[in-house]
């Protein structure tokens, strides 16, 4: 399998990764940490996708997509949300601390399509997110994965990644958090880019 990770600029591919199978379903669209909670709760069903399309069309950094380019036609197989922390709710989050005042970027959601898991795509996505942040001048990038100590993480809650995944890509623990997901504490992992 050949994986190519690129900035998420194609709305239909973003929709494949984070949108619902039925347009009338109410799914996250990876907006939970991107916009204030009140606005997030106001957007319902098709409005959520329309909002993401507007963001995509405006050129706001949304993340990166992984494509399997080994076949005759490429197929989108993964997504990672990555953006300047100041543009996310992590800028004001009470459970995830700020280590310092650096204008860091953060990666908070890593998704791999069913049927494509266990092929290293999450690793490619995290590296792609790092490179995307670096190419946009980020001095550092953070993630807030669970510290599962090797235990199995429920698939629906694995979107934040694991401490081990981040460590394999040069991130180090910068702080504890008071956030807990699926019974596991989340840690602030950081990688300096300059």
C-alpha atoms as a PDB file:
ATOM      1  CA  UNK A   1       0.000   0.000   0.000  1.00  0.00           C
ATOM      2  CA  UNK A   2       1.289   3.435  -0.963  1.00  0.00           C
ATOM      3  CA  UNK A   3      -0.026   6.257   1.243  1.00  0.00           C
ATOM      4  CA  UNK A   4       0.090   9.909   0.240  1.00  0.00           C
ATOM      5  CA  UNK A   5      -0.894  12.490   2.887  1.00  0.00           C
ATOM      6  CA  UNK A   6      -2.043  15.918   1.696  1.00  0.00           C
ATOM      7  CA  UNK A   7      -3.774  19.005   3.086  1.00  0.00           C
ATOM      8  CA  UNK A   8      -7.529  18.446   3.308  1.00  0.00           C
ATOM      9  CA  UNK A   9      -8.799  20.651   0.502  1.00  0.00           C
ATOM     10  CA  UNK A  10     -11.322  18.375  -1.235  1.00  0.00           C
ATOM     11  CA  UNK A  11     -14.654  18.645   0.552  1.00  0.00           C
ATOM     12  CA  UNK A  12     -16.038  15.350  -0.786  1.00  0.00           C
ATOM     13  CA  UNK A  13     -13.019  13.497   0.625  1.00  0.00           C
ATOM     14  CA  UNK A  14     -13.417  15.229   3.981  1.00  0.00           C
ATOM     15  CA  UNK A  15     -17.087  14.204   3.918  1.00  0.00           C
ATOM     16  CA  UNK A  16     -16.108  10.599   3.208  1.00  0.00           C
ATOM     17  CA  UNK A  17     -13.921  10.583   6.313  1.00  0.00           C
ATOM     18  CA  UNK A  18     -15.931  12.593   8.864  1.00  0.00           C
ATOM     19  CA  UNK A  19     -19.403  12.998   7.401  1.00  0.00           C
ATOM     20  CA  UNK A  20     -22.419  10.723   7.877  1.00  0.00           C
ATOM     21  CA  UNK A  21     -23.541   7.935   5.568  1.00  0.00           C
ATOM     22  CA  UNK A  22     -27.008   9.529   5.542  1.00  0.00           C
ATOM     23  CA  UNK A  23     -26.966  13.341   5.073  1.00  0.00           C
ATOM     24  CA  UNK A  24     -29.731  13.749   7.671  1.00  0.00           C
ATOM     25  CA  UNK A  25     -27.690  12.062  10.414  1.00  0.00           C
ATOM     26  CA  UNK A  26     -26.247  14.213  13.163  1.00  0.00           C
ATOM     27  CA  UNK A  27     -22.527  13.376  13.372  1.00  0.00           C
ATOM     28  CA  UNK A  28     -19.477  15.246  14.640  1.00  0.00           C
ATOM     29  CA  UNK A  29     -17.900  16.305  11.307  1.00  0.00           C
ATOM     30  CA  UNK A  30     -14.824  16.901  13.497  1.00  0.00           C
ATOM     31  CA  UNK A  31     -16.299  20.166  14.760  1.00  0.00           C
ATOM     32  CA  UNK A  32     -16.395  19.394  18.493  1.00  0.00           C
ATOM     33  CA  UNK A  33     -13.000  20.954  19.182  1.00  0.00           C
ATOM     34  CA  UNK A  34     -12.964  23.313  16.217  1.00  0.00           C
ATOM     35  CA  UNK A  35     -15.839  25.611  17.179  1.00  0.00           C
ATOM     36  CA  UNK A  36     -17.355  26.803  20.470  1.00  0.00           C
ATOM     37  CA  UNK A  37     -19.692  24.311  22.132  1.00  0.00           C
ATOM     38  CA  UNK A  38     -22.772  26.512  21.765  1.00  0.00           C
ATOM     39  CA  UNK A  39     -22.239  26.875  18.000  1.00  0.00           C
ATOM     40  CA  UNK A  40     -21.447  23.163  17.722  1.00  0.00           C
ATOM     41  CA  UNK A  41     -24.766  22.271  19.379  1.00  0.00           C
ATOM     42  CA  UNK A  42     -26.717  24.712  17.189  1.00  0.00           C
ATOM     43  CA  UNK A  43     -25.545  23.107  13.955  1.00  0.00           C
ATOM     44  CA  UNK A  44     -27.744  20.145  13.119  1.00  0.00           C
ATOM     45  CA  UNK A  45     -27.658  17.478  10.411  1.00  0.00           C
ATOM     46  CA  UNK A  46     -26.964  18.963   6.960  1.00  0.00           C
ATOM     47  CA  UNK A  47     -25.935  22.289   8.522  1.00  0.00           C
ATOM     48  CA  UNK A  48     -22.845  20.613   9.925  1.00  0.00           C
ATOM     49  CA  UNK A  49     -21.591  19.526   6.509  1.00  0.00           C
ATOM     50  CA  UNK A  50     -22.477  22.895   5.008  1.00  0.00           C
ATOM     51  CA  UNK A  51     -20.425  24.600   7.718  1.00  0.00           C
ATOM     52  CA  UNK A  52     -17.412  22.352   7.058  1.00  0.00           C
ATOM     53  CA  UNK A  53     -17.739  23.038   3.317  1.00  0.00           C
ATOM     54  CA  UNK A  54     -17.664  26.785   4.015  1.00  0.00           C
ATOM     55  CA  UNK A  55     -14.507  26.331   6.114  1.00  0.00           C
ATOM     56  CA  UNK A  56     -12.935  24.212   3.390  1.00  0.00           C
ATOM     57  CA  UNK A  57     -13.836  26.714   0.661  1.00  0.00           C
ATOM     58  CA  UNK A  58     -12.459  29.623   2.709  1.00  0.00           C
ATOM     59  CA  UNK A  59      -9.012  28.035   2.924  1.00  0.00           C
ATOM     60  CA  UNK A  60      -9.011  27.645   6.718  1.00  0.00           C
ATOM     61  CA  UNK A  61      -6.644  24.806   7.683  1.00  0.00           C
ATOM     62  CA  UNK A  62      -8.793  21.811   8.554  1.00  0.00           C
ATOM     63  CA  UNK A  63      -6.374  18.940   8.511  1.00  0.00           C
ATOM     64  CA  UNK A  64      -4.812  16.348   6.278  1.00  0.00           C
ATOM     65  CA  UNK A  65      -6.157  13.390   4.340  1.00  0.00           C
ATOM     66  CA  UNK A  66      -4.424  10.100   3.594  1.00  0.00           C
ATOM     67  CA  UNK A  67      -4.889   8.550   0.165  1.00  0.00           C
ATOM     68  CA  UNK A  68      -4.129   5.001  -0.903  1.00  0.00           C
ATOM     69  CA  UNK A  69      -2.447   5.590  -4.249  1.00  0.00           C
ATOM     70  CA  UNK A  70      -1.375   2.005  -4.918  1.00  0.00           C
ATOM     71  CA  UNK A  71      -4.361   1.146  -7.150  1.00  0.00           C
ATOM     72  CA  UNK A  72      -5.436   2.485 -10.499  1.00  0.00           C
ATOM     73  CA  UNK A  73      -7.541   5.121  -8.750  1.00  0.00           C
ATOM     74  CA  UNK A  74      -6.656   6.745  -5.465  1.00  0.00           C
ATOM     75  CA  UNK A  75      -8.930   6.317  -2.477  1.00  0.00           C
ATOM     76  CA  UNK A  76      -9.202   8.479   0.633  1.00  0.00           C
ATOM     77  CA  UNK A  77      -8.473   6.265   3.661  1.00  0.00           C
ATOM     78  CA  UNK A  78      -7.673   8.572   6.573  1.00  0.00           C
ATOM     79  CA  UNK A  79      -8.139  11.961   8.214  1.00  0.00           C
ATOM     80  CA  UNK A  80      -6.282  13.980  10.829  1.00  0.00           C
ATOM     81  CA  UNK A  81      -7.626  17.279  12.158  1.00  0.00           C
ATOM     82  CA  UNK A  82      -4.762  19.743  12.560  1.00  0.00           C
ATOM     83  CA  UNK A  83      -4.966  23.481  13.031  1.00  0.00           C
ATOM     84  CA  UNK A  84      -3.480  26.340  15.044  1.00  0.00           C
ATOM     85  CA  UNK A  85      -4.516  25.801  18.671  1.00  0.00           C
ATOM     86  CA  UNK A  86      -5.705  29.423  18.793  1.00  0.00           C
ATOM     87  CA  UNK A  87      -8.371  28.501  16.215  1.00  0.00           C
ATOM     88  CA  UNK A  88      -9.756  25.641  18.305  1.00  0.00           C
ATOM     89  CA  UNK A  89     -11.522  25.232  21.630  1.00  0.00           C
ATOM     90  CA  UNK A  90      -8.211  23.988  23.053  1.00  0.00           C
ATOM     91  CA  UNK A  91      -7.303  27.681  23.268  1.00  0.00           C
ATOM     92  CA  UNK A  92      -9.814  27.953  26.131  1.00  0.00           C
ATOM     93  CA  UNK A  93     -10.080  24.340  27.322  1.00  0.00           C
ATOM     94  CA  UNK A  94     -10.054  23.961  31.112  1.00  0.00           C
ATOM     95  CA  UNK A  95      -8.940  20.326  31.135  1.00  0.00           C
ATOM     96  CA  UNK A  96      -6.039  20.623  28.660  1.00  0.00           C
ATOM     97  CA  UNK A  97      -3.419  23.061  30.012  1.00  0.00           C
ATOM     98  CA  UNK A  98      -1.244  25.493  28.100  1.00  0.00           C
ATOM     99  CA  UNK A  99       2.437  24.738  28.594  1.00  0.00           C
ATOM    100  CA  UNK A 100       3.530  28.183  27.420  1.00  0.00           C
ATOM    101  CA  UNK A 101       2.543  30.970  25.038  1.00  0.00           C
ATOM    102  CA  UNK A 102       4.003  29.486  21.862  1.00  0.00           C
ATOM    103  CA  UNK A 103       1.547  29.703  18.935  1.00  0.00           C
ATOM    104  CA  UNK A 104       1.423  25.911  18.659  1.00  0.00           C
ATOM    105  CA  UNK A 105      -0.707  23.857  16.330  1.00  0.00           C
ATOM    106  CA  UNK A 106      -2.604  20.824  17.548  1.00  0.00           C
ATOM    107  CA  UNK A 107      -3.729  17.510  16.125  1.00  0.00           C
ATOM    108  CA  UNK A 108      -6.790  16.125  17.884  1.00  0.00           C
ATOM    109  CA  UNK A 109      -8.510  13.592  15.660  1.00  0.00           C
ATOM    110  CA  UNK A 110      -7.011  10.723  13.687  1.00  0.00           C
ATOM    111  CA  UNK A 111      -9.419   8.493  11.770  1.00  0.00           C
ATOM    112  CA  UNK A 112      -8.785   5.563   9.480  1.00  0.00           C
ATOM    113  CA  UNK A 113     -11.581   4.106   7.354  1.00  0.00           C
ATOM    114  CA  UNK A 114     -12.825   0.634   8.215  1.00  0.00           C
ATOM    115  CA  UNK A 115     -11.146  -1.940   6.029  1.00  0.00           C
ATOM    116  CA  UNK A 116      -7.904   0.044   6.019  1.00  0.00           C
ATOM    117  CA  UNK A 117      -6.889  -0.187   9.667  1.00  0.00           C
ATOM    118  CA  UNK A 118      -3.719  -1.880  10.932  1.00  0.00           C
ATOM    119  CA  UNK A 119      -1.792  -0.752   7.850  1.00  0.00           C
ATOM    120  CA  UNK A 120       0.185   2.146   9.324  1.00  0.00           C
ATOM    121  CA  UNK A 121      -2.187   4.849   8.094  1.00  0.00           C
ATOM    122  CA  UNK A 122      -2.488   6.531  11.507  1.00  0.00           C
ATOM    123  CA  UNK A 123       1.309   6.845  11.543  1.00  0.00           C
ATOM    124  CA  UNK A 124       1.292   8.411   8.077  1.00  0.00           C
ATOM    125  CA  UNK A 125      -1.487  10.790   9.149  1.00  0.00           C
ATOM    126  CA  UNK A 126       0.375  11.945  12.245  1.00  0.00           C
ATOM    127  CA  UNK A 127       3.549  12.534  10.231  1.00  0.00           C
ATOM    128  CA  UNK A 128       1.486  14.373   7.620  1.00  0.00           C
ATOM    129  CA  UNK A 129      -0.080  16.562  10.316  1.00  0.00           C
ATOM    130  CA  UNK A 130       3.385  17.381  11.664  1.00  0.00           C
ATOM    131  CA  UNK A 131       4.652  18.322   8.207  1.00  0.00           C
ATOM    132  CA  UNK A 132       1.542  20.378   7.461  1.00  0.00           C
ATOM    133  CA  UNK A 133       1.980  22.348  10.692  1.00  0.00           C
ATOM    134  CA  UNK A 134       5.706  22.804  10.010  1.00  0.00           C
ATOM    135  CA  UNK A 135       5.071  24.014   6.441  1.00  0.00           C
ATOM    136  CA  UNK A 136       2.676  26.615   7.846  1.00  0.00           C
ATOM    137  CA  UNK A 137       5.263  27.998  10.261  1.00  0.00           C
ATOM    138  CA  UNK A 138       4.185  26.278  13.474  1.00  0.00           C
ATOM    139  CA  UNK A 139       6.978  26.349  16.084  1.00  0.00           C
ATOM    140  CA  UNK A 140       5.557  23.216  17.735  1.00  0.00           C
ATOM    141  CA  UNK A 141       2.656  20.811  17.481  1.00  0.00           C
ATOM    142  CA  UNK A 142       0.662  19.223  20.287  1.00  0.00           C
ATOM    143  CA  UNK A 143      -1.639  16.256  20.631  1.00  0.00           C
ATOM    144  CA  UNK A 144      -3.815  15.147  23.521  1.00  0.00           C
ATOM    145  CA  UNK A 145      -3.894  11.345  23.295  1.00  0.00           C
ATOM    146  CA  UNK A 146      -4.936   8.817  25.896  1.00  0.00           C
ATOM    147  CA  UNK A 147      -2.251   7.236  28.050  1.00  0.00           C
ATOM    148  CA  UNK A 148      -3.659   3.732  27.716  1.00  0.00           C
ATOM    149  CA  UNK A 149      -0.458   1.977  28.841  1.00  0.00           C
ATOM    150  CA  UNK A 150      -0.903  -0.633  26.119  1.00  0.00           C
ATOM    151  CA  UNK A 151      -4.494  -1.484  27.019  1.00  0.00           C
ATOM    152  CA  UNK A 152      -7.155  -1.705  24.315  1.00  0.00           C
ATOM    153  CA  UNK A 153      -8.980   1.552  23.590  1.00  0.00           C
ATOM    154  CA  UNK A 154     -12.581   1.468  22.393  1.00  0.00           C
ATOM    155  CA  UNK A 155     -12.521   2.164  18.660  1.00  0.00           C
ATOM    156  CA  UNK A 156     -14.984   5.054  18.883  1.00  0.00           C
ATOM    157  CA  UNK A 157     -12.756   6.756  21.456  1.00  0.00           C
ATOM    158  CA  UNK A 158      -9.435   5.995  19.769  1.00  0.00           C
ATOM    159  CA  UNK A 159      -9.712   9.110  17.573  1.00  0.00           C
ATOM    160  CA  UNK A 160      -7.444  11.108  19.912  1.00  0.00           C
ATOM    161  CA  UNK A 161      -4.617   8.622  19.413  1.00  0.00           C
ATOM    162  CA  UNK A 162      -2.468   6.941  22.017  1.00  0.00           C
ATOM    163  CA  UNK A 163       0.589   8.147  23.841  1.00  0.00           C
ATOM    164  CA  UNK A 164       2.585   5.364  22.190  1.00  0.00           C
ATOM    165  CA  UNK A 165       1.632   6.548  18.690  1.00  0.00           C
ATOM    166  CA  UNK A 166       2.760  10.080  19.462  1.00  0.00           C
ATOM    167  CA  UNK A 167       5.994   8.909  21.108  1.00  0.00           C
ATOM    168  CA  UNK A 168       6.872   6.891  17.987  1.00  0.00           C
ATOM    169  CA  UNK A 169       6.787  10.171  16.054  1.00  0.00           C
ATOM    170  CA  UNK A 170       9.036  12.188  18.326  1.00  0.00           C
ATOM    171  CA  UNK A 171       6.452  13.739  20.632  1.00  0.00           C
ATOM    172  CA  UNK A 172       7.276  13.924  24.323  1.00  0.00           C
ATOM    173  CA  UNK A 173       4.994  14.344  27.296  1.00  0.00           C
ATOM    174  CA  UNK A 174       4.801  18.029  28.158  1.00  0.00           C
ATOM    175  CA  UNK A 175       2.053  17.952  30.797  1.00  0.00           C
ATOM    176  CA  UNK A 176      -0.664  15.964  32.469  1.00  0.00           C
ATOM    177  CA  UNK A 177      -4.256  16.978  31.837  1.00  0.00           C
ATOM    178  CA  UNK A 178      -7.435  16.535  33.838  1.00  0.00           C
ATOM    179  CA  UNK A 179      -9.199  15.160  30.751  1.00  0.00           C
ATOM    180  CA  UNK A 180     -10.217  11.498  30.750  1.00  0.00           C
ATOM    181  CA  UNK A 181     -11.508   9.587  27.738  1.00  0.00           C
ATOM    182  CA  UNK A 182     -12.840   6.022  27.830  1.00  0.00           C
ATOM    183  CA  UNK A 183     -11.448   5.697  31.366  1.00  0.00           C
ATOM    184  CA  UNK A 184      -7.909   6.656  30.324  1.00  0.00           C
ATOM    185  CA  UNK A 185      -6.150   9.897  31.260  1.00  0.00           C
ATOM    186  CA  UNK A 186      -5.175  12.152  28.389  1.00  0.00           C
ATOM    187  CA  UNK A 187      -1.684  13.618  28.283  1.00  0.00           C
ATOM    188  CA  UNK A 188      -0.363  16.654  26.471  1.00  0.00           C
ATOM    189  CA  UNK A 189       2.282  15.508  23.987  1.00  0.00           C
ATOM    190  CA  UNK A 190       4.420  18.046  22.152  1.00  0.00           C
ATOM    191  CA  UNK A 191       6.931  18.052  19.332  1.00  0.00           C
ATOM    192  CA  UNK A 192       9.113  21.067  18.639  1.00  0.00           C
ATOM    193  CA  UNK A 193       9.334  21.952  14.942  1.00  0.00           C
ATOM    194  CA  UNK A 194      11.983  24.695  14.951  1.00  0.00           C
END
